[in-house]
Amino acid sequence: MAKINFHILSLFPKMFDGVLTSSMISRAIKNDLVSIAVIDIRDYTEDKHSTTDDYQFGGGFGMVMKPEPICNAIDDILGNCISPENTPVVLMTPQGTQFTQTVSESLSSSADIIIICGHYTGVDERIIELVVTHQISIGDFITTGGEIPAMLLVDCISRFIPGVIGSYENVASDSITSGLLEHPLYTRPRTYRGLTVPDVLINGDHQKVEDWRRTQSIIKTFHNRPDLLVSADLNASDQQILDDLKRD
């Protein structure tokens, strides 16, 4: 897996300043594992007022983002992509497919990814018909724009690039990636405010540690995200634990 080039179309490029200069994403940029270009949609407008939105045909509340600036920008970006015909063009929208770890991993194989940050009531439908390949939602709620969802997308996808996270095993064993929520985590001190780390984690029996962690993952998933259990890869022992939980 090679470097990923993110191209983000936004009306508010400065919102990304913190993301580009902080934490692991900043290090990934410095190590040439990712590049992130934030493009101001206004730079591709076709009138002297740099108009990016207009009223809806047919009436209704809210403005709609115009097709010309966004389509012009994408045409320009695709001309510089490594494989234009295979480049995902992602629209962040609450009407899109739910973003998951699986979607994130599938996008991480792309050399270039274009992300459109929507605003106002939404984008002109012709943008979707002409240039968008993926419509993605980060949840059943509405944000003021697509910038924060786009940041989340970049962060999640970047974790799959070797070298961004210290060890790929950290990514492979992530909560959700494994099909179950992560087991409880503990560090020093062993006792804090009357709460003590479970003895099984201290005694040095690696098999018992793994068994305990697996059981705790199933318990936590059962209580917090039971929907994940439908597609989780459970063995006979796991199923017995789950059956016991259902009876209690």
Protein backbone atom coordinates (compact mmCIF):
# COMPACT_ATOMS: atom_id res chain seq x y z
CA MET A 1 0.00 0.00 0.00
CA ALA A 2 1.51 3.30 -1.10
CA LYS A 3 0.96 6.90 -0.13
CA ILE A 4 -2.57 8.32 -0.26
CA ASN A 5 -3.25 11.80 -1.61
CA PHE A 6 -6.37 13.39 -0.12
CA HIS A 7 -8.00 16.26 -2.02
CA ILE A 8 -10.65 18.03 0.06
CA LEU A 9 -13.09 20.54 -1.43
CA SER A 10 -14.34 22.99 1.18
CA LEU A 11 -15.82 26.46 1.61
CA PHE A 12 -13.86 26.75 4.87
CA PRO A 13 -10.31 25.46 4.29
CA LYS A 14 -8.93 26.95 7.51
CA MET A 15 -11.00 24.50 9.52
CA PHE A 16 -8.42 21.85 8.59
CA ASP A 17 -5.40 23.72 9.97
CA GLY A 18 -5.47 21.91 13.32
CA VAL A 19 -5.83 18.49 11.73
CA LEU A 20 -2.89 19.05 9.40
CA THR A 21 -0.53 20.19 12.14
CA SER A 22 -1.41 17.82 14.99
CA SER A 23 -0.82 14.27 16.15
CA MET A 24 -0.41 11.27 13.85
CA ILE A 25 -1.77 12.94 10.72
CA SER A 26 0.89 15.63 10.99
CA ARG A 27 3.61 12.98 11.35
CA ALA A 28 2.18 11.01 8.44
CA ILE A 29 2.41 14.11 6.26
CA LYS A 30 6.00 14.78 7.37
CA ASN A 31 6.91 11.15 6.64
CA ASP A 32 5.33 11.41 3.16
CA LEU A 33 2.78 8.69 3.92
CA VAL A 34 -0.15 10.96 3.11
CA SER A 35 -0.66 14.32 1.48
CA ILE A 36 -3.68 16.51 2.16
CA ALA A 37 -4.62 19.34 -0.18
CA VAL A 38 -7.54 21.47 0.96
CA ILE A 39 -9.06 23.31 -2.00
CA ASP A 40 -11.26 26.38 -1.64
CA ILE A 41 -14.35 25.79 -3.76
CA ARG A 42 -14.56 29.54 -4.38
CA ASP A 43 -11.40 29.32 -6.48
CA TYR A 44 -13.42 27.50 -9.15
CA THR A 45 -16.44 29.79 -9.36
CA GLU A 46 -17.32 31.38 -12.69
CA ASP A 47 -18.56 34.83 -11.70
CA LYS A 48 -16.95 37.93 -10.19
CA HIS A 49 -18.82 37.44 -6.91
CA SER A 50 -17.43 33.92 -6.39
CA THR A 51 -20.94 32.51 -5.97
CA THR A 52 -21.03 28.94 -4.67
CA ASP A 53 -24.73 28.56 -3.85
CA ASP A 54 -28.14 29.62 -5.13
CA TYR A 55 -31.87 29.27 -4.47
CA GLN A 56 -33.69 26.00 -5.11
CA PHE A 57 -35.74 25.48 -8.24
CA GLY A 58 -39.29 24.79 -7.13
CA GLY A 59 -38.92 26.81 -3.94
CA GLY A 60 -38.05 25.68 -0.44
CA PHE A 61 -35.90 26.72 2.50
CA GLY A 62 -32.13 26.79 2.29
CA MET A 63 -29.55 27.34 -0.40
CA VAL A 64 -28.08 24.69 -2.70
CA MET A 65 -24.42 24.38 -3.67
CA LYS A 66 -23.96 25.10 -7.38
CA PRO A 67 -22.60 22.42 -9.73
CA GLU A 68 -20.07 24.50 -11.69
CA PRO A 69 -17.46 25.22 -8.97
CA ILE A 70 -17.42 21.68 -7.59
CA CYS A 71 -17.40 19.94 -10.98
CA ASN A 72 -14.73 22.32 -12.29
CA ALA A 73 -12.54 21.63 -9.26
CA ILE A 74 -12.91 17.88 -9.58
CA ASP A 75 -12.10 17.96 -13.29
CA ASP A 76 -8.91 19.84 -12.43
CA ILE A 77 -7.94 17.49 -9.59
CA LEU A 78 -8.59 14.31 -11.58
CA GLY A 79 -6.19 15.57 -14.23
CA ASN A 80 -3.39 15.22 -11.67
CA CYS A 81 -4.43 11.96 -10.03
CA ILE A 82 -2.38 8.80 -10.46
CA SER A 83 -5.38 6.79 -11.68
CA PRO A 84 -8.24 9.20 -12.45
CA GLU A 85 -10.67 6.48 -13.52
CA ASN A 86 -10.22 4.68 -10.18
CA THR A 87 -10.22 7.73 -7.92
CA PRO A 88 -13.07 7.76 -5.37
CA VAL A 89 -15.00 11.04 -5.30
CA VAL A 90 -16.72 11.09 -1.92
CA LEU A 91 -19.59 13.36 -0.95
CA MET A 92 -20.08 13.72 2.79
CA THR A 93 -23.86 13.64 3.23
CA PRO A 94 -26.36 12.34 5.82
CA GLN A 95 -28.10 10.64 2.89
CA GLY A 96 -25.08 8.45 2.20
CA THR A 97 -24.01 4.94 3.09
CA GLN A 98 -23.00 4.50 6.73
CA PHE A 99 -19.23 4.90 7.18
CA THR A 100 -17.71 1.81 8.75
CA GLN A 101 -14.28 0.33 9.34
CA THR A 102 -14.87 -1.90 6.32
CA VAL A 103 -15.59 1.10 4.08
CA SER A 104 -12.52 2.84 5.49
CA GLU A 105 -10.26 -0.11 4.69
CA SER A 106 -11.63 -0.43 1.15
CA LEU A 107 -10.94 3.25 0.44
CA SER A 108 -7.41 2.95 1.83
CA SER A 109 -6.29 1.08 -1.29
CA SER A 110 -6.77 4.23 -3.40
CA ALA A 111 -3.83 6.38 -4.46
CA ASP A 112 -6.01 9.50 -4.51
CA ILE A 113 -9.27 10.30 -2.72
CA ILE A 114 -11.38 13.38 -3.41
CA ILE A 115 -13.75 14.49 -0.63
CA ILE A 116 -16.51 17.06 -1.10
CA CYS A 117 -17.63 18.93 2.02
CA GLY A 118 -21.26 19.84 1.57
CA HIS A 119 -22.94 22.91 3.08
CA TYR A 120 -26.30 24.65 3.25
CA THR A 121 -29.28 22.43 2.32
CA GLY A 122 -27.10 20.23 0.11
CA VAL A 123 -25.52 20.01 -3.32
CA ASP A 124 -27.12 20.19 -6.75
CA GLU A 125 -28.17 16.66 -7.74
CA ARG A 126 -26.19 16.92 -10.98
CA ILE A 127 -22.96 16.94 -8.97
CA ILE A 128 -23.90 13.49 -7.68
CA GLU A 129 -24.85 12.27 -11.14
CA LEU A 130 -21.76 13.63 -12.88
CA VAL A 131 -18.78 13.20 -10.55
CA VAL A 132 -19.60 11.54 -7.20
CA THR A 133 -18.71 7.85 -6.82
CA HIS A 134 -19.43 7.45 -3.09
CA GLN A 135 -21.96 9.13 -0.81
CA ILE A 136 -20.94 8.62 2.81
CA SER A 137 -22.61 9.45 6.11
CA ILE A 138 -20.92 9.33 9.52
CA GLY A 139 -24.22 8.84 11.34
CA ASP A 140 -27.87 9.67 11.67
CA PHE A 141 -27.35 13.29 12.63
CA ILE A 142 -26.65 16.60 10.92
CA THR A 143 -23.50 18.71 11.21
CA THR A 144 -23.11 22.32 10.07
CA GLY A 145 -21.03 21.16 7.12
CA GLY A 146 -18.99 18.32 5.70
CA GLU A 147 -15.65 19.45 7.11
CA ILE A 148 -15.73 17.58 10.41
CA PRO A 149 -17.02 14.38 8.75
CA ALA A 150 -14.22 14.73 6.17
CA MET A 151 -11.63 15.01 8.94
CA LEU A 152 -12.97 11.80 10.44
CA LEU A 153 -12.74 10.08 7.05
CA VAL A 154 -9.11 11.15 6.55
CA ASP A 155 -8.14 10.03 10.04
CA CYS A 156 -9.77 6.60 9.78
CA ILE A 157 -8.46 5.82 6.30
CA SER A 158 -4.93 6.98 7.14
CA ARG A 159 -4.67 4.44 9.97
CA PHE A 160 -4.56 1.64 7.38
CA ILE A 161 -1.39 3.02 5.77
CA PRO A 162 1.67 1.14 7.08
CA GLY A 163 3.78 3.46 9.22
CA VAL A 164 1.00 5.83 10.29
CA ILE A 165 0.24 3.71 13.36
CA GLY A 166 3.17 2.17 15.21
CA SER A 167 2.15 -1.42 14.50
CA TYR A 168 -0.34 -2.80 12.00
CA GLU A 169 -1.42 -5.27 14.70
CA ASN A 170 -2.89 -2.27 16.52
CA VAL A 171 -5.15 -1.65 13.52
CA ALA A 172 -5.99 -5.31 12.94
CA SER A 173 -7.07 -5.78 16.57
CA ASP A 174 -9.11 -2.58 16.74
CA SER A 175 -12.52 -2.63 18.29
CA ILE A 176 -15.05 -3.13 15.47
CA THR A 177 -12.39 -4.44 13.03
CA SER A 178 -12.43 -7.78 14.87
CA GLY A 179 -16.23 -7.87 14.81
CA LEU A 180 -16.47 -7.29 18.56
CA LEU A 181 -15.91 -4.34 20.84
CA GLU A 182 -12.53 -4.18 22.53
CA HIS A 183 -12.02 -5.78 25.92
CA PRO A 184 -11.43 -3.56 29.00
CA LEU A 185 -7.96 -1.98 29.13
CA TYR A 186 -5.81 -1.40 32.22
CA THR A 187 -2.46 0.19 33.03
CA ARG A 188 -0.61 1.20 36.22
CA PRO A 189 -1.30 1.72 39.07
CA ARG A 190 -2.67 -1.72 39.84
CA THR A 191 -5.13 -0.28 42.38
CA TYR A 192 -6.77 3.11 41.96
CA ARG A 193 -9.50 4.56 44.18
CA GLY A 194 -10.39 1.12 45.42
CA LEU A 195 -10.59 -0.48 41.97
CA THR A 196 -8.05 -3.21 41.19
CA VAL A 197 -6.85 -4.67 37.90
CA PRO A 198 -8.26 -8.22 37.46
CA ASP A 199 -5.84 -10.85 38.73
CA VAL A 200 -5.95 -12.80 35.45
CA LEU A 201 -4.08 -9.94 33.74
CA ILE A 202 -1.29 -10.03 36.31
CA ASN A 203 -0.64 -13.76 36.71
CA GLY A 204 1.28 -14.27 33.46
CA ASP A 205 -0.85 -17.03 31.91
CA HIS A 206 -1.20 -15.78 28.35
CA GLN A 207 -3.93 -18.24 27.36
CA LYS A 208 -6.06 -17.25 30.34
CA VAL A 209 -5.50 -13.59 29.46
CA GLU A 210 -6.69 -14.19 25.90
CA ASP A 211 -9.71 -16.18 27.09
CA TRP A 212 -10.64 -13.43 29.56
CA ARG A 213 -10.29 -10.73 26.93
CA ARG A 214 -12.43 -12.65 24.46
CA THR A 215 -15.14 -13.16 27.06
CA GLN A 216 -15.09 -9.52 28.07
CA SER A 217 -15.31 -8.43 24.42
CA ILE A 218 -18.42 -10.54 23.95
CA ILE A 219 -19.98 -9.19 27.16
CA LYS A 220 -19.25 -5.58 26.22
CA THR A 221 -20.56 -6.06 22.68
CA PHE A 222 -23.71 -7.74 23.99
CA HIS A 223 -24.50 -4.79 26.26
CA ASN A 224 -23.30 -1.87 24.10
CA ARG A 225 -23.51 -2.94 20.43
CA PRO A 226 -25.61 -6.11 20.12
CA ASP A 227 -26.10 -5.37 16.41
CA LEU A 228 -22.46 -6.32 15.79
CA LEU A 229 -23.05 -9.86 17.04
CA VAL A 230 -25.19 -10.65 14.00
CA SER A 231 -22.12 -10.73 11.75
CA ALA A 232 -19.42 -11.53 14.35
CA ASP A 233 -17.32 -14.66 13.81
CA LEU A 234 -18.17 -16.67 16.94
CA ASN A 235 -16.94 -20.14 17.83
CA ALA A 236 -18.82 -22.65 19.99
CA SER A 237 -17.29 -21.29 23.20
CA ASP A 238 -18.22 -17.74 22.24
CA GLN A 239 -21.77 -18.82 21.47
CA GLN A 240 -22.06 -20.46 24.88
CA ILE A 241 -21.01 -17.21 26.56
CA LEU A 242 -23.58 -15.35 24.49
CA ASP A 243 -26.33 -17.84 25.30
CA ASP A 244 -25.56 -17.47 29.02
CA LEU A 245 -25.81 -13.69 28.72
CA LYS A 246 -29.19 -13.95 27.02
CA ARG A 247 -30.51 -16.18 29.81
CA ASP A 248 -29.38 -13.85 32.62
